[in-house]
Amino acid sequence: MKAVVWHDVGDIRLDEIPMPTLQEPTDAIIRVTSSAICGTDLHLVRGTMSGMKPGTVLGHEAVGVVEEVGEDVRGFRPGDRVVVCSTISCGYCSYCRAGYFAQCDNANPNGSQAGTSFFGGPEATGSVDGLQAEYARIPYATTTLVKVPDEVIDEQAIMVSDVLPTGWFGARLAQVTEGDTVLVLGAGVVGQCAIASAKRQGAARVLVVDGIDSRLEMARAQNAEPVNFNIEDPVQTVLDLTGGIGVDRVVDAVGVDAQRPETGPAADDLPVPAETFDAERQLAAPQSSPDGNLWVPGDAPSLALRWATQCVAKAGSIGIIGVYPPNFDRFPLGEVTNRNLTVQAGNCNHRRYIPKLLGMVASGALDPTAFITQETAPRHALDAYRRFDTREEGWIKTVLDVDSP
């Protein structure tokens, strides 16, 4: 079968690889009908998340049809249409039963203290082959798969595999409640989903900071208030828009690949010296291998964190869903402590939220297809990676239609 395969930092290929097979009685095999490219995949190619095993299939989002199930998988049968949870979970350990599916004790083969296991990730996450392929093996299928309602089309379901629940989780981490003023840092697809989620969790106002016009216009279509960091100072603007107080909640949907402002007042007034960001980038991506303007790690790894602490009101809260590698230890802790801020971060507990979100989509309460900007066949996946990586205008979310001719 064809699959998008990681070979090295800056080196991904569309390869012909063997079909997956059942390895455990809890496994299932699915035929993938839709997959997608995520910003997390770019971290792996840019080198800002290290430890990838050469030959690993990329991708952690998929919708498909069950082809085969192991003898311990009782809730699914061949022919079922399913969405794959991006993080893998057993469903029966104490963490899963408490709703912390991303911290499952059993899914990660590196042991109970290893943390999240997800598809297409580094060796520390289990090196489970990903979902940008024609077929995929699904470990712990009873929990990791969710049946798709008939009313939900593939384009909607693929958004519920990762980005929509992650946005929802970000608003929960930030403790969004009714009447809150919320700031979302980053207007990529996860940021767009965080905006939609914050509004549905009761936010009265949502502000959003980014430097790409097309992303800010998509946010404006959700009635969010856009702030372009290449035109205005986002911290001062947020303070001005909130009467000098700051926002109640912040969602960091950017992570370690944050970019410095290129123009405007914020470019001349960075929260730390440029040399500090340079050192952070070396820490975050020591093995980066740019190819011209491709696969270039962000040049301000802690910028979103620093803006978050400056934009939030005293005693406010911050939810971090942007990706930061385990070795990244730069954080404005003194400011957090001095201003009595609450900070929560983590990988989304997908299985906790996907059934509810599928129900919302099926009922018409939420339609995430507005955030899909490109659909293409897998044979064009590498070109789509390149265009997404360089942040071309209009490239926010690309769906790979595996069933397309």
Foldseek 3Di string as FASTA:
>chain_A
DWFWWDADQQDIDTDDDDADDDDDLLKWKWFFQKFWDDVVQLCDNLQLADAADGGAGAGQWTWTFTDGHGPPQDPDDGGFTKTFAFWAAQCPDPCNVVLNRQQHQPPAPVGNPLTIAGERHHVSNRSAHHDRDRMHMHGSCNLRIDGFDPLDDRLQRRCLNALLLLLLVLLVQQVQAAAFEEEEEDLFLSSLSVLVNSVVRHYPAYEYEDAFVLSQVLSVVVVHHYDHVLAEPVLVVLCVVVVNFFTQTYGYAAAQQAAQHPHYPSNVPQVDDLVVLQVLVCQSRVPGDDDVLFSHGHSRRCRSQVSRLSRHGQLHEYEYEHDHYPRRDDHPVVSCVVRNYHYDYDGRSSSSCSVVVSVCVSVVVDGSSSNEQEEEASVCVVVLNRCVRSVPRSNRIYMHRPPDD
